[in-house]
Amino acid sequence: MKIANSLKSLKKRDKTCRIVRRTGRVYVINKANPRFKARQG
């Protein structure tokens, strides 16, 4: 999982990427290709 200051570029890496907010953290998740997972902060 990548940890980034901004997820703006990471959500554009794949068209199936979704931005999700969980417990105060922002995540990029991708069911089709889990290697695109990322977390903000």
PDB file of N, CA and C in Angstrom:
ATOM      1  N   MET A   1       0.844  -1.195   0.000  1.00  0.00           N
ATOM      2  CA  MET A   1       0.000   0.000   0.000  1.00  0.00           C
ATOM      3  C   MET A   1       0.876   1.240   0.000  1.00  0.00           C
ATOM      4  N   LYS A   2       0.578   2.157  -0.896  1.00  0.00           N
ATOM      5  CA  LYS A   2       1.297   3.427  -0.929  1.00  0.00           C
ATOM      6  C   LYS A   2       0.691   4.369   0.104  1.00  0.00           C
ATOM      7  N   ILE A   3       1.528   5.179   0.741  1.00  0.00           N
ATOM      8  CA  ILE A   3       1.060   6.230   1.644  1.00  0.00           C
ATOM      9  C   ILE A   3       1.483   7.556   1.035  1.00  0.00           C
ATOM     10  N   ALA A   4       0.498   8.389   0.701  1.00  0.00           N
ATOM     11  CA  ALA A   4       0.787   9.607  -0.057  1.00  0.00           C
ATOM     12  C   ALA A   4       0.156  10.807   0.622  1.00  0.00           C
ATOM     13  N   ASN A   5       0.735  11.982   0.330  1.00  0.00           N
ATOM     14  CA  ASN A   5       0.151  13.212   0.866  1.00  0.00           C
ATOM     15  C   ASN A   5      -1.140  13.572   0.150  1.00  0.00           C
ATOM     16  N   SER A   6      -1.203  13.270  -1.134  1.00  0.00           N
ATOM     17  CA  SER A   6      -2.389  13.591  -1.923  1.00  0.00           C
ATOM     18  C   SER A   6      -2.722  12.392  -2.797  1.00  0.00           C
ATOM     19  N   LEU A   7      -4.011  12.038  -2.848  1.00  0.00           N
ATOM     20  CA  LEU A   7      -4.434  10.881  -3.620  1.00  0.00           C
ATOM     21  C   LEU A   7      -4.909  11.255  -5.009  1.00  0.00           C
ATOM     22  N   LYS A   8      -4.786  12.535  -5.363  1.00  0.00           N
ATOM     23  CA  LYS A   8      -5.338  12.987  -6.637  1.00  0.00           C
ATOM     24  C   LYS A   8      -4.730  12.248  -7.820  1.00  0.00           C
ATOM     25  N   SER A   9      -3.410  12.085  -7.814  1.00  0.00           N
ATOM     26  CA  SER A   9      -2.761  11.391  -8.928  1.00  0.00           C
ATOM     27  C   SER A   9      -2.978   9.879  -8.850  1.00  0.00           C
ATOM     28  N   LEU A  10      -3.096   9.360  -7.614  1.00  0.00           N
ATOM     29  CA  LEU A  10      -3.192   7.907  -7.454  1.00  0.00           C
ATOM     30  C   LEU A  10      -4.546   7.374  -7.885  1.00  0.00           C
ATOM     31  N   LYS A  11      -5.586   8.199  -7.783  1.00  0.00           N
ATOM     32  CA  LYS A  11      -6.892   7.687  -8.180  1.00  0.00           C
ATOM     33  C   LYS A  11      -7.040   7.627  -9.698  1.00  0.00           C
ATOM     34  N   LYS A  12      -6.137   8.313 -10.412  1.00  0.00           N
ATOM     35  CA  LYS A  12      -6.203   8.295 -11.875  1.00  0.00           C
ATOM     36  C   LYS A  12      -5.359   7.170 -12.480  1.00  0.00           C
ATOM     37  N   ARG A  13      -4.719   6.364 -11.654  1.00  0.00           N
ATOM     38  CA  ARG A  13      -3.848   5.317 -12.190  1.00  0.00           C
ATOM     39  C   ARG A  13      -4.628   4.233 -12.914  1.00  0.00           C
ATOM     40  N   ASP A  14      -5.884   4.020 -12.498  1.00  0.00           N
ATOM     41  CA  ASP A  14      -6.688   2.967 -13.097  1.00  0.00           C
ATOM     42  C   ASP A  14      -8.137   3.400 -13.062  1.00  0.00           C
ATOM     43  N   LYS A  15      -8.920   2.966 -14.035  1.00  0.00           N
ATOM     44  CA  LYS A  15     -10.299   3.466 -14.098  1.00  0.00           C
ATOM     45  C   LYS A  15     -11.219   2.829 -13.060  1.00  0.00           C
ATOM     46  N   THR A  16     -10.780   1.727 -12.435  1.00  0.00           N
ATOM     47  CA  THR A  16     -11.613   1.078 -11.421  1.00  0.00           C
ATOM     48  C   THR A  16     -11.268   1.532 -10.003  1.00  0.00           C
ATOM     49  N   CYS A  17     -10.350   2.485  -9.862  1.00  0.00           N
ATOM     50  CA  CYS A  17      -9.981   2.990  -8.533  1.00  0.00           C
ATOM     51  C   CYS A  17     -11.131   3.786  -7.925  1.00  0.00           C
ATOM     52  N   ARG A  18     -11.371   3.579  -6.634  1.00  0.00           N
ATOM     53  CA  ARG A  18     -12.405   4.311  -5.903  1.00  0.00           C
ATOM     54  C   ARG A  18     -11.761   4.970  -4.694  1.00  0.00           C
ATOM     55  N   ILE A  19     -12.277   6.145  -4.351  1.00  0.00           N
ATOM     56  CA  ILE A  19     -11.816   6.820  -3.130  1.00  0.00           C
ATOM     57  C   ILE A  19     -12.834   6.536  -2.030  1.00  0.00           C
ATOM     58  N   VAL A  20     -12.362   6.064  -0.879  1.00  0.00           N
ATOM     59  CA  VAL A  20     -13.218   5.667   0.227  1.00  0.00           C
ATOM     60  C   VAL A  20     -12.682   6.319   1.493  1.00  0.00           C
ATOM     61  N   ARG A  21     -13.594   6.768   2.354  1.00  0.00           N
ATOM     62  CA  ARG A  21     -13.187   7.333   3.636  1.00  0.00           C
ATOM     63  C   ARG A  21     -13.560   6.365   4.745  1.00  0.00           C
ATOM     64  N   ARG A  22     -12.561   5.944   5.516  1.00  0.00           N
ATOM     65  CA  ARG A  22     -12.806   5.005   6.619  1.00  0.00           C
ATOM     66  C   ARG A  22     -12.063   5.485   7.852  1.00  0.00           C
ATOM     67  N   THR A  23     -12.791   5.610   8.931  1.00  0.00           N
ATOM     68  CA  THR A  23     -12.247   5.982  10.249  1.00  0.00           C
ATOM     69  C   THR A  23     -11.286   7.164  10.158  1.00  0.00           C
ATOM     70  N   GLY A  24     -11.702   8.200   9.432  1.00  0.00           N
ATOM     71  CA  GLY A  24     -10.921   9.425   9.357  1.00  0.00           C
ATOM     72  C   GLY A  24      -9.751   9.385   8.405  1.00  0.00           C
ATOM     73  N   ARG A  25      -9.543   8.278   7.712  1.00  0.00           N
ATOM     74  CA  ARG A  25      -8.463   8.181   6.733  1.00  0.00           C
ATOM     75  C   ARG A  25      -9.073   8.025   5.355  1.00  0.00           C
ATOM     76  N   VAL A  26      -8.369   8.523   4.356  1.00  0.00           N
ATOM     77  CA  VAL A  26      -8.850   8.433   2.984  1.00  0.00           C
ATOM     78  C   VAL A  26      -8.039   7.357   2.273  1.00  0.00           C
ATOM     79  N   TYR A  27      -8.745   6.445   1.612  1.00  0.00           N
ATOM     80  CA  TYR A  27      -8.108   5.325   0.938  1.00  0.00           C
ATOM     81  C   TYR A  27      -8.484   5.309  -0.532  1.00  0.00           C
ATOM     82  N   VAL A  28      -7.582   4.793  -1.364  1.00  0.00           N
ATOM     83  CA  VAL A  28      -7.908   4.412  -2.734  1.00  0.00           C
ATOM     84  C   VAL A  28      -7.943   2.895  -2.737  1.00  0.00           C
ATOM     85  N   ILE A  29      -9.086   2.322  -3.165  1.00  0.00           N
ATOM     86  CA  ILE A  29      -9.177   0.873  -3.240  1.00  0.00           C
ATOM     87  C   ILE A  29      -9.506   0.479  -4.662  1.00  0.00           C
ATOM     88  N   ASN A  30      -9.082  -0.725  -5.017  1.00  0.00           N
ATOM     89  CA  ASN A  30      -9.317  -1.223  -6.366  1.00  0.00           C
ATOM     90  C   ASN A  30      -9.530  -2.727  -6.270  1.00  0.00           C
ATOM     91  N   LYS A  31     -10.791  -3.153  -6.447  1.00  0.00           N
ATOM     92  CA  LYS A  31     -11.099  -4.585  -6.338  1.00  0.00           C
ATOM     93  C   LYS A  31     -10.446  -5.378  -7.465  1.00  0.00           C
ATOM     94  N   ALA A  32     -10.422  -4.802  -8.661  1.00  0.00           N
ATOM     95  CA  ALA A  32      -9.912  -5.535  -9.823  1.00  0.00           C
ATOM     96  C   ALA A  32      -8.408  -5.739  -9.729  1.00  0.00           C
ATOM     97  N   ASN A  33      -7.696  -4.731  -9.217  1.00  0.00           N
ATOM     98  CA  ASN A  33      -6.237  -4.808  -9.174  1.00  0.00           C
ATOM     99  C   ASN A  33      -5.749  -4.247  -7.838  1.00  0.00           C
ATOM    100  N   PRO A  34      -5.619  -5.080  -6.799  1.00  0.00           N
ATOM    101  CA  PRO A  34      -5.326  -4.589  -5.446  1.00  0.00           C
ATOM    102  C   PRO A  34      -3.967  -3.902  -5.297  1.00  0.00           C
ATOM    103  N   ARG A  35      -3.102  -3.967  -6.304  1.00  0.00           N
ATOM    104  CA  ARG A  35      -1.803  -3.305  -6.142  1.00  0.00           C
ATOM    105  C   ARG A  35      -1.926  -1.795  -6.225  1.00  0.00           C
ATOM    106  N   PHE A  36      -3.088  -1.263  -6.599  1.00  0.00           N
ATOM    107  CA  PHE A  36      -3.281   0.186  -6.638  1.00  0.00           C
ATOM    108  C   PHE A  36      -3.798   0.748  -5.312  1.00  0.00           C
ATOM    109  N   LYS A  37      -3.763  -0.036  -4.245  1.00  0.00           N
ATOM    110  CA  LYS A  37      -4.232   0.448  -2.948  1.00  0.00           C
ATOM    111  C   LYS A  37      -3.345   1.592  -2.455  1.00  0.00           C
ATOM    112  N   ALA A  38      -3.980   2.595  -1.823  1.00  0.00           N
ATOM    113  CA  ALA A  38      -3.215   3.706  -1.287  1.00  0.00           C
ATOM    114  C   ALA A  38      -3.957   4.306  -0.101  1.00  0.00           C
ATOM    115  N   ARG A  39      -3.170   4.995   0.748  1.00  0.00           N
ATOM    116  CA  ARG A  39      -3.747   5.672   1.905  1.00  0.00           C
ATOM    117  C   ARG A  39      -3.165   7.068   1.963  1.00  0.00           C
ATOM    118  N   GLN A  40      -3.981   8.014   2.448  1.00  0.00           N
ATOM    119  CA  GLN A  40      -3.515   9.396   2.553  1.00  0.00           C
ATOM    120  C   GLN A  40      -2.930   9.659   3.926  1.00  0.00           C
ATOM    121  N   GLY A  41      -1.825  10.422   3.956  1.00  0.00           N
ATOM    122  CA  GLY A  41      -1.263  10.839   5.220  1.00  0.00           C
ATOM    123  C   GLY A  41      -0.215   9.954   5.732  1.00  0.00           C
TER     124      GLY A  41
END
